[in-house]
PDB file of N, CA and C in Angstrom:
ATOM      1  N   MET A   1     -51.549  48.709 -46.559  1.00  0.00           N
ATOM      2  CA  MET A   1     -51.862  49.373 -45.303  1.00  0.00           C
ATOM      3  C   MET A   1     -51.020  50.117 -44.890  1.00  0.00           C
ATOM      4  N   LEU A   2     -51.214  51.289 -44.234  1.00  0.00           N
ATOM      5  CA  LEU A   2     -50.146  52.003 -43.583  1.00  0.00           C
ATOM      6  C   LEU A   2     -50.673  52.136 -42.048  1.00  0.00           C
ATOM      7  N   ILE A   3     -49.744  51.928 -41.440  1.00  0.00           N
ATOM      8  CA  ILE A   3     -50.199  51.959 -39.780  1.00  0.00           C
ATOM      9  C   ILE A   3     -49.138  52.927 -39.203  1.00  0.00           C
ATOM     10  N   LEU A   4     -49.610  54.159 -38.586  1.00  0.00           N
ATOM     11  CA  LEU A   4     -48.914  55.000 -38.169  1.00  0.00           C
ATOM     12  C   LEU A   4     -49.157  55.290 -36.719  1.00  0.00           C
ATOM     13  N   SER A   5     -47.618  55.327 -36.068  1.00  0.00           N
ATOM     14  CA  SER A   5     -47.909  55.795 -34.648  1.00  0.00           C
ATOM     15  C   SER A   5     -48.242  57.171 -34.297  1.00  0.00           C
ATOM     16  N   ALA A   6     -48.214  57.448 -32.945  1.00  0.00           N
ATOM     17  CA  ALA A   6     -48.515  58.651 -32.469  1.00  0.00           C
ATOM     18  C   ALA A   6     -47.322  59.857 -32.930  1.00  0.00           C
ATOM     19  N   GLU A   7     -46.254  59.131 -32.547  1.00  0.00           N
ATOM     20  CA  GLU A   7     -44.981  59.954 -32.833  1.00  0.00           C
ATOM     21  C   GLU A   7     -45.022  60.182 -34.613  1.00  0.00           C
ATOM     22  N   GLU A   8     -45.178  59.266 -35.405  1.00  0.00           N
ATOM     23  CA  GLU A   8     -45.326  59.205 -36.676  1.00  0.00           C
ATOM     24  C   GLU A   8     -45.983  60.241 -37.094  1.00  0.00           C
ATOM     25  N   MET A   9     -47.161  60.462 -36.853  1.00  0.00           N
ATOM     26  CA  MET A   9     -48.196  61.356 -36.885  1.00  0.00           C
ATOM     27  C   MET A   9     -47.661  62.654 -36.842  1.00  0.00           C
ATOM     28  N   LYS A  10     -47.018  62.831 -35.490  1.00  0.00           N
ATOM     29  CA  LYS A  10     -46.807  64.256 -35.185  1.00  0.00           C
ATOM     30  C   LYS A  10     -45.798  64.650 -36.030  1.00  0.00           C
ATOM     31  N   GLU A  11     -44.898  63.638 -36.786  1.00  0.00           N
ATOM     32  CA  GLU A  11     -43.693  64.021 -37.484  1.00  0.00           C
ATOM     33  C   GLU A  11     -44.279  64.593 -39.119  1.00  0.00           C
ATOM     34  N   ILE A  12     -45.373  64.078 -39.459  1.00  0.00           N
ATOM     35  CA  ILE A  12     -45.942  64.432 -40.668  1.00  0.00           C
ATOM     36  C   ILE A  12     -46.984  65.085 -40.823  1.00  0.00           C
ATOM     37  N   ILE A  13     -47.592  65.414 -39.787  1.00  0.00           N
ATOM     38  CA  ILE A  13     -48.881  66.426 -39.947  1.00  0.00           C
ATOM     39  C   ILE A  13     -48.573  67.832 -38.959  1.00  0.00           C
ATOM     40  N   SER A  14     -48.702  68.998 -39.724  1.00  0.00           N
ATOM     41  CA  SER A  14     -48.274  70.054 -38.840  1.00  0.00           C
ATOM     42  C   SER A  14     -49.711  70.703 -37.863  1.00  0.00           C
ATOM     43  N   TYR A  15     -49.302  71.305 -36.969  1.00  0.00           N
ATOM     44  CA  TYR A  15     -50.386  71.653 -36.203  1.00  0.00           C
ATOM     45  C   TYR A  15     -51.454  72.738 -37.167  1.00  0.00           C
ATOM     46  N   LYS A  16     -50.915  73.223 -38.165  1.00  0.00           N
ATOM     47  CA  LYS A  16     -51.559  74.089 -38.734  1.00  0.00           C
ATOM     48  C   LYS A  16     -52.705  73.257 -39.722  1.00  0.00           C
ATOM     49  N   GLU A  17     -52.130  72.069 -40.285  1.00  0.00           N
ATOM     50  CA  GLU A  17     -53.186  71.284 -40.918  1.00  0.00           C
ATOM     51  C   GLU A  17     -53.913  70.499 -40.101  1.00  0.00           C
ATOM     52  N   VAL A  18     -53.653  70.268 -38.954  1.00  0.00           N
ATOM     53  CA  VAL A  18     -54.800  69.710 -37.850  1.00  0.00           C
ATOM     54  C   VAL A  18     -55.680  70.678 -37.424  1.00  0.00           C
ATOM     55  N   MET A  19     -55.473  72.049 -37.429  1.00  0.00           N
ATOM     56  CA  MET A  19     -56.583  72.946 -37.021  1.00  0.00           C
ATOM     57  C   MET A  19     -57.389  73.065 -38.228  1.00  0.00           C
ATOM     58  N   LYS A  20     -56.964  73.050 -39.425  1.00  0.00           N
ATOM     59  CA  LYS A  20     -57.593  73.374 -40.788  1.00  0.00           C
ATOM     60  C   LYS A  20     -58.807  72.171 -41.002  1.00  0.00           C
ATOM     61  N   GLN A  21     -58.030  70.856 -40.815  1.00  0.00           N
ATOM     62  CA  GLN A  21     -58.939  69.804 -40.742  1.00  0.00           C
ATOM     63  C   GLN A  21     -60.263  69.924 -39.599  1.00  0.00           C
ATOM     64  N   ILE A  22     -59.549  70.213 -38.642  1.00  0.00           N
ATOM     65  CA  ILE A  22     -60.830  70.399 -37.550  1.00  0.00           C
ATOM     66  C   ILE A  22     -62.109  71.436 -37.971  1.00  0.00           C
ATOM     67  N   THR A  23     -61.377  72.340 -38.610  1.00  0.00           N
ATOM     68  CA  THR A  23     -62.405  73.512 -38.965  1.00  0.00           C
ATOM     69  C   THR A  23     -63.306  72.974 -40.067  1.00  0.00           C
ATOM     70  N   ASN A  24     -62.564  72.197 -40.995  1.00  0.00           N
ATOM     71  CA  ASN A  24     -63.381  71.359 -42.252  1.00  0.00           C
ATOM     72  C   ASN A  24     -64.455  70.553 -41.483  1.00  0.00           C
ATOM     73  N   ALA A  25     -63.981  69.776 -40.258  1.00  0.00           N
ATOM     74  CA  ALA A  25     -65.005  69.022 -39.880  1.00  0.00           C
ATOM     75  C   ALA A  25     -66.342  69.709 -39.280  1.00  0.00           C
ATOM     76  N   TYR A  26     -65.886  70.850 -38.548  1.00  0.00           N
ATOM     77  CA  TYR A  26     -67.155  71.547 -38.134  1.00  0.00           C
ATOM     78  C   TYR A  26     -68.007  72.267 -39.168  1.00  0.00           C
ATOM     79  N   GLU A  27     -67.490  72.309 -40.280  1.00  0.00           N
ATOM     80  CA  GLU A  27     -68.123  73.029 -41.426  1.00  0.00           C
ATOM     81  C   GLU A  27     -69.028  71.564 -41.813  1.00  0.00           C
ATOM     82  N   LEU A  28     -68.552  70.675 -42.230  1.00  0.00           N
ATOM     83  CA  LEU A  28     -69.208  69.456 -42.745  1.00  0.00           C
ATOM     84  C   LEU A  28     -70.571  69.123 -41.563  1.00  0.00           C
ATOM     85  N   TYR A  29     -70.101  69.391 -40.172  1.00  0.00           N
ATOM     86  CA  TYR A  29     -71.280  68.838 -39.300  1.00  0.00           C
ATOM     87  C   TYR A  29     -72.486  70.140 -39.314  1.00  0.00           C
ATOM     88  N   GLU A  30     -71.845  71.488 -39.362  1.00  0.00           N
ATOM     89  CA  GLU A  30     -72.913  72.661 -39.586  1.00  0.00           C
ATOM     90  C   GLU A  30     -73.982  72.125 -40.956  1.00  0.00           C
ATOM     91  N   LYS A  31     -73.528  71.659 -41.919  1.00  0.00           N
ATOM     92  CA  LYS A  31     -74.073  71.527 -43.215  1.00  0.00           C
ATOM     93  C   LYS A  31     -74.598  70.037 -43.074  1.00  0.00           C
ATOM     94  N   ASN A  32     -74.528  69.389 -42.158  1.00  0.00           N
ATOM     95  CA  ASN A  32     -75.181  67.925 -41.923  1.00  0.00           C
ATOM     96  C   ASN A  32     -74.689  67.053 -43.185  1.00  0.00           C
ATOM     97  N   ASP A  33     -73.467  67.272 -43.695  1.00  0.00           N
ATOM     98  CA  ASP A  33     -73.023  66.855 -44.915  1.00  0.00           C
ATOM     99  C   ASP A  33     -72.176  65.625 -44.677  1.00  0.00           C
ATOM    100  N   PHE A  34     -72.718  64.574 -43.838  1.00  0.00           N
ATOM    101  CA  PHE A  34     -72.322  63.172 -43.821  1.00  0.00           C
ATOM    102  C   PHE A  34     -73.152  62.437 -43.358  1.00  0.00           C
ATOM    103  N   LEU A  35     -72.849  61.022 -43.208  1.00  0.00           N
ATOM    104  CA  LEU A  35     -73.729  59.971 -42.721  1.00  0.00           C
ATOM    105  C   LEU A  35     -72.956  59.309 -41.527  1.00  0.00           C
ATOM    106  N   LEU A  36     -73.710  59.263 -40.550  1.00  0.00           N
ATOM    107  CA  LEU A  36     -73.034  58.845 -39.324  1.00  0.00           C
ATOM    108  C   LEU A  36     -74.164  57.765 -38.719  1.00  0.00           C
ATOM    109  N   PRO A  37     -73.883  56.426 -39.031  1.00  0.00           N
ATOM    110  CA  PRO A  37     -75.019  55.453 -38.845  1.00  0.00           C
ATOM    111  C   PRO A  37     -74.446  55.271 -37.169  1.00  0.00           C
ATOM    112  N   ASP A  38     -75.657  54.672 -36.484  1.00  0.00           N
ATOM    113  CA  ASP A  38     -75.329  54.110 -34.932  1.00  0.00           C
ATOM    114  C   ASP A  38     -74.417  53.321 -34.836  1.00  0.00           C
ATOM    115  N   ARG A  39     -73.651  53.369 -33.888  1.00  0.00           N
ATOM    116  CA  ARG A  39     -72.139  52.787 -33.757  1.00  0.00           C
ATOM    117  C   ARG A  39     -72.807  51.030 -33.529  1.00  0.00           C
ATOM    118  N   ILE A  40     -71.810  50.251 -33.791  1.00  0.00           N
ATOM    119  CA  ILE A  40     -72.375  48.883 -33.646  1.00  0.00           C
ATOM    120  C   ILE A  40     -71.428  48.613 -32.385  1.00  0.00           C
ATOM    121  N   HIS A  41     -72.199  48.076 -31.439  1.00  0.00           N
ATOM    122  CA  HIS A  41     -71.992  47.502 -29.679  1.00  0.00           C
ATOM    123  C   HIS A  41     -71.991  46.101 -29.768  1.00  0.00           C
ATOM    124  N   ILE A  42     -71.098  45.245 -29.617  1.00  0.00           N
ATOM    125  CA  ILE A  42     -71.049  43.946 -29.360  1.00  0.00           C
ATOM    126  C   ILE A  42     -70.392  43.561 -28.083  1.00  0.00           C
ATOM    127  N   ASN A  43     -71.166  42.858 -27.153  1.00  0.00           N
ATOM    128  CA  ASN A  43     -70.651  42.457 -26.118  1.00  0.00           C
ATOM    129  C   ASN A  43     -70.269  40.987 -26.391  1.00  0.00           C
ATOM    130  N   LYS A  44     -69.087  40.399 -25.800  1.00  0.00           N
ATOM    131  CA  LYS A  44     -68.404  39.220 -25.817  1.00  0.00           C
ATOM    132  C   LYS A  44     -68.149  39.015 -24.374  1.00  0.00           C
ATOM    133  N   ASP A  45     -68.879  38.174 -23.480  1.00  0.00           N
ATOM    134  CA  ASP A  45     -68.426  38.037 -22.055  1.00  0.00           C
ATOM    135  C   ASP A  45     -68.237  39.260 -21.459  1.00  0.00           C
ATOM    136  N   ASP A  46     -67.326  39.659 -20.847  1.00  0.00           N
ATOM    137  CA  ASP A  46     -66.889  40.913 -20.437  1.00  0.00           C
ATOM    138  C   ASP A  46     -66.186  41.859 -21.261  1.00  0.00           C
ATOM    139  N   ASP A  47     -66.016  41.408 -22.387  1.00  0.00           N
ATOM    140  CA  ASP A  47     -65.440  42.305 -23.315  1.00  0.00           C
ATOM    141  C   ASP A  47     -66.466  42.879 -24.372  1.00  0.00           C
ATOM    142  N   VAL A  48     -65.820  44.164 -24.718  1.00  0.00           N
ATOM    143  CA  VAL A  48     -66.762  44.826 -25.656  1.00  0.00           C
ATOM    144  C   VAL A  48     -66.005  45.331 -27.041  1.00  0.00           C
ATOM    145  N   PHE A  49     -66.808  45.334 -28.375  1.00  0.00           N
ATOM    146  CA  PHE A  49     -66.368  45.913 -29.368  1.00  0.00           C
ATOM    147  C   PHE A  49     -67.271  46.951 -29.814  1.00  0.00           C
ATOM    148  N   LEU A  50     -66.650  48.159 -30.324  1.00  0.00           N
ATOM    149  CA  LEU A  50     -67.433  49.045 -30.845  1.00  0.00           C
ATOM    150  C   LEU A  50     -66.799  49.499 -32.257  1.00  0.00           C
ATOM    151  N   TYR A  51     -67.818  49.725 -32.939  1.00  0.00           N
ATOM    152  CA  TYR A  51     -67.410  49.996 -34.422  1.00  0.00           C
ATOM    153  C   TYR A  51     -68.259  51.306 -34.846  1.00  0.00           C
ATOM    154  N   MET A  52     -67.631  52.364 -35.147  1.00  0.00           N
ATOM    155  CA  MET A  52     -68.304  53.739 -35.302  1.00  0.00           C
ATOM    156  C   MET A  52     -67.730  54.185 -36.787  1.00  0.00           C
ATOM    157  N   PRO A  53     -68.801  53.831 -37.888  1.00  0.00           N
ATOM    158  CA  PRO A  53     -68.401  54.513 -38.952  1.00  0.00           C
ATOM    159  C   PRO A  53     -68.727  55.757 -39.409  1.00  0.00           C
ATOM    160  N   CYS A  54     -68.145  56.457 -40.328  1.00  0.00           N
ATOM    161  CA  CYS A  54     -68.770  57.661 -40.851  1.00  0.00           C
ATOM    162  C   CYS A  54     -68.254  58.005 -41.964  1.00  0.00           C
ATOM    163  N   PHE A  55     -69.156  58.438 -43.120  1.00  0.00           N
ATOM    164  CA  PHE A  55     -69.113  58.674 -44.487  1.00  0.00           C
ATOM    165  C   PHE A  55     -69.269  60.445 -44.847  1.00  0.00           C
ATOM    166  N   THR A  56     -68.118  60.703 -45.705  1.00  0.00           N
ATOM    167  CA  THR A  56     -68.604  62.022 -46.439  1.00  0.00           C
ATOM    168  C   THR A  56     -68.166  61.760 -47.776  1.00  0.00           C
ATOM    169  N   ASP A  57     -68.761  62.750 -48.564  1.00  0.00           N
ATOM    170  CA  ASP A  57     -68.280  62.498 -50.038  1.00  0.00           C
ATOM    171  C   ASP A  57     -66.714  62.249 -50.339  1.00  0.00           C
ATOM    172  N   ASN A  58     -65.898  62.614 -49.519  1.00  0.00           N
ATOM    173  CA  ASN A  58     -64.265  62.665 -49.642  1.00  0.00           C
ATOM    174  C   ASN A  58     -63.818  61.693 -48.923  1.00  0.00           C
ATOM    175  N   ALA A  59     -64.356  61.099 -47.751  1.00  0.00           N
ATOM    176  CA  ALA A  59     -63.702  60.245 -46.721  1.00  0.00           C
ATOM    177  C   ALA A  59     -64.691  59.015 -46.228  1.00  0.00           C
ATOM    178  N   VAL A  60     -64.189  57.916 -46.077  1.00  0.00           N
ATOM    179  CA  VAL A  60     -64.723  56.933 -45.207  1.00  0.00           C
ATOM    180  C   VAL A  60     -63.950  56.520 -44.010  1.00  0.00           C
ATOM    181  N   GLY A  61     -64.524  56.587 -43.090  1.00  0.00           N
ATOM    182  CA  GLY A  61     -63.498  55.974 -41.693  1.00  0.00           C
ATOM    183  C   GLY A  61     -64.331  55.416 -40.687  1.00  0.00           C
ATOM    184  N   THR A  62     -63.701  54.407 -39.964  1.00  0.00           N
ATOM    185  CA  THR A  62     -64.385  53.878 -38.909  1.00  0.00           C
ATOM    186  C   THR A  62     -63.368  53.786 -37.729  1.00  0.00           C
ATOM    187  N   LYS A  63     -63.924  54.208 -36.602  1.00  0.00           N
ATOM    188  CA  LYS A  63     -63.197  54.080 -35.327  1.00  0.00           C
ATOM    189  C   LYS A  63     -63.681  52.546 -34.849  1.00  0.00           C
ATOM    190  N   ILE A  64     -62.535  51.754 -34.604  1.00  0.00           N
ATOM    191  CA  ILE A  64     -62.787  50.666 -33.855  1.00  0.00           C
ATOM    192  C   ILE A  64     -62.035  50.419 -32.701  1.00  0.00           C
ATOM    193  N   ILE A  65     -62.855  50.591 -31.401  1.00  0.00           N
ATOM    194  CA  ILE A  65     -62.495  50.384 -29.869  1.00  0.00           C
ATOM    195  C   ILE A  65     -62.858  49.293 -29.440  1.00  0.00           C
ATOM    196  N   THR A  66     -61.847  48.501 -28.560  1.00  0.00           N
ATOM    197  CA  THR A  66     -62.164  47.372 -27.685  1.00  0.00           C
ATOM    198  C   THR A  66     -61.936  48.007 -26.438  1.00  0.00           C
ATOM    199  N   VAL A  67     -62.630  46.990 -25.526  1.00  0.00           N
ATOM    200  CA  VAL A  67     -62.828  47.352 -23.928  1.00  0.00           C
ATOM    201  C   VAL A  67     -62.698  45.818 -23.416  1.00  0.00           C
ATOM    202  N   PHE A  68     -61.574  45.572 -22.861  1.00  0.00           N
ATOM    203  CA  PHE A  68     -61.316  44.530 -22.371  1.00  0.00           C
ATOM    204  C   PHE A  68     -60.622  44.664 -20.843  1.00  0.00           C
ATOM    205  N   PRO A  69     -61.707  44.609 -20.093  1.00  0.00           N
ATOM    206  CA  PRO A  69     -61.418  45.212 -18.433  1.00  0.00           C
ATOM    207  C   PRO A  69     -60.137  44.275 -18.001  1.00  0.00           C
ATOM    208  N   LYS A  70     -60.106  42.793 -18.392  1.00  0.00           N
ATOM    209  CA  LYS A  70     -59.251  41.966 -17.798  1.00  0.00           C
ATOM    210  C   LYS A  70     -57.580  42.383 -18.364  1.00  0.00           C
ATOM    211  N   ASN A  71     -57.478  43.204 -19.265  1.00  0.00           N
ATOM    212  CA  ASN A  71     -56.327  43.365 -19.597  1.00  0.00           C
ATOM    213  C   ASN A  71     -55.329  43.991 -18.838  1.00  0.00           C
ATOM    214  N   ARG A  72     -55.778  44.478 -17.564  1.00  0.00           N
ATOM    215  CA  ARG A  72     -54.934  44.951 -16.790  1.00  0.00           C
ATOM    216  C   ARG A  72     -53.942  43.767 -15.931  1.00  0.00           C
ATOM    217  N   GLN A  73     -54.690  42.549 -15.969  1.00  0.00           N
ATOM    218  CA  GLN A  73     -53.697  41.476 -15.519  1.00  0.00           C
ATOM    219  C   GLN A  73     -52.433  41.070 -16.563  1.00  0.00           C
ATOM    220  N   TYR A  74     -52.586  41.695 -17.738  1.00  0.00           N
ATOM    221  CA  TYR A  74     -51.882  41.586 -18.910  1.00  0.00           C
ATOM    222  C   TYR A  74     -50.810  42.936 -18.883  1.00  0.00           C
ATOM    223  N   ASN A  75     -50.984  43.783 -18.013  1.00  0.00           N
ATOM    224  CA  ASN A  75     -50.108  45.081 -18.273  1.00  0.00           C
ATOM    225  C   ASN A  75     -50.383  45.776 -19.558  1.00  0.00           C
ATOM    226  N   GLU A  76     -51.857  45.610 -20.024  1.00  0.00           N
ATOM    227  CA  GLU A  76     -52.005  46.216 -21.219  1.00  0.00           C
ATOM    228  C   GLU A  76     -53.419  47.031 -20.900  1.00  0.00           C
ATOM    229  N   PRO A  77     -53.473  48.254 -21.599  1.00  0.00           N
ATOM    230  CA  PRO A  77     -54.587  49.121 -21.392  1.00  0.00           C
ATOM    231  C   PRO A  77     -55.816  48.424 -21.697  1.00  0.00           C
ATOM    232  N   ALA A  78     -57.019  48.747 -21.093  1.00  0.00           N
ATOM    233  CA  ALA A  78     -58.073  48.347 -21.111  1.00  0.00           C
ATOM    234  C   ALA A  78     -59.010  48.595 -22.469  1.00  0.00           C
ATOM    235  N   ILE A  79     -58.670  49.954 -22.672  1.00  0.00           N
ATOM    236  CA  ILE A  79     -59.197  50.362 -23.861  1.00  0.00           C
ATOM    237  C   ILE A  79     -58.408  50.659 -24.930  1.00  0.00           C
ATOM    238  N   GLN A  80     -58.646  50.023 -26.258  1.00  0.00           N
ATOM    239  CA  GLN A  80     -57.591  50.167 -27.041  1.00  0.00           C
ATOM    240  C   GLN A  80     -58.400  50.538 -28.564  1.00  0.00           C
ATOM    241  N   GLY A  81     -57.721  51.171 -29.349  1.00  0.00           N
ATOM    242  CA  GLY A  81     -58.553  51.337 -30.627  1.00  0.00           C
ATOM    243  C   GLY A  81     -57.545  51.862 -32.071  1.00  0.00           C
ATOM    244  N   ILE A  82     -58.079  51.880 -33.086  1.00  0.00           N
ATOM    245  CA  ILE A  82     -57.617  52.370 -34.161  1.00  0.00           C
ATOM    246  C   ILE A  82     -58.605  53.036 -34.820  1.00  0.00           C
ATOM    247  N   MET A  83     -58.207  53.890 -36.154  1.00  0.00           N
ATOM    248  CA  MET A  83     -58.907  54.679 -36.869  1.00  0.00           C
ATOM    249  C   MET A  83     -58.533  54.098 -38.050  1.00  0.00           C
ATOM    250  N   LEU A  84     -59.635  53.437 -38.809  1.00  0.00           N
ATOM    251  CA  LEU A  84     -59.400  52.790 -40.234  1.00  0.00           C
ATOM    252  C   LEU A  84     -60.030  53.964 -41.229  1.00  0.00           C
ATOM    253  N   LEU A  85     -59.202  54.247 -42.130  1.00  0.00           N
ATOM    254  CA  LEU A  85     -59.618  55.028 -43.246  1.00  0.00           C
ATOM    255  C   LEU A  85     -59.704  54.181 -44.524  1.00  0.00           C
ATOM    256  N   ASN A  86     -60.647  54.307 -45.188  1.00  0.00           N
ATOM    257  CA  ASN A  86     -61.133  53.586 -46.774  1.00  0.00           C
ATOM    258  C   ASN A  86     -60.819  54.820 -47.811  1.00  0.00           C
ATOM    259  N   ASP A  87     -60.409  54.361 -48.787  1.00  0.00           N
ATOM    260  CA  ASP A  87     -60.712  55.067 -50.108  1.00  0.00           C
ATOM    261  C   ASP A  87     -62.273  55.160 -50.284  1.00  0.00           C
ATOM    262  N   VAL A  88     -62.604  56.199 -50.761  1.00  0.00           N
ATOM    263  CA  VAL A  88     -64.157  56.556 -50.994  1.00  0.00           C
ATOM    264  C   VAL A  88     -64.682  56.030 -52.094  1.00  0.00           C
ATOM    265  N   LYS A  89     -63.424  55.685 -53.489  1.00  0.00           N
ATOM    266  CA  LYS A  89     -64.001  55.138 -54.577  1.00  0.00           C
ATOM    267  C   LYS A  89     -63.741  53.597 -54.604  1.00  0.00           C
ATOM    268  N   THR A  90     -62.622  53.261 -53.957  1.00  0.00           N
ATOM    269  CA  THR A  90     -62.518  51.673 -53.929  1.00  0.00           C
ATOM    270  C   THR A  90     -62.776  50.906 -52.656  1.00  0.00           C
ATOM    271  N   GLY A  91     -63.096  51.621 -51.615  1.00  0.00           N
ATOM    272  CA  GLY A  91     -62.785  50.898 -50.176  1.00  0.00           C
ATOM    273  C   GLY A  91     -61.683  50.490 -49.694  1.00  0.00           C
ATOM    274  N   LYS A  92     -60.696  50.721 -50.406  1.00  0.00           N
ATOM    275  CA  LYS A  92     -59.235  50.073 -50.002  1.00  0.00           C
ATOM    276  C   LYS A  92     -58.802  50.825 -48.795  1.00  0.00           C
ATOM    277  N   PRO A  93     -58.552  49.670 -48.093  1.00  0.00           N
ATOM    278  CA  PRO A  93     -57.810  50.692 -46.604  1.00  0.00           C
ATOM    279  C   PRO A  93     -56.577  51.402 -47.094  1.00  0.00           C
TER     280      PRO A  93
END
């Protein structure tokens, strides 16, 4: 599995490529060429876990967000998340 920081993403992905992919996303949206199930929302005490999968013919991705309000006392952000991408043929992260 490869984990990229924001700084690493800025180094390897050009602005032009980002704009191209945003255009591609709008085209998929307009054609309704994706599967976007309802997000999974799990509460555990005061904490929240959100799982937001999306599927296309060429990509599988899941946004995973946590909301831990008490994190402020640990000097950590209350909201944290990652984007998990899986191979569309094998499911490998």
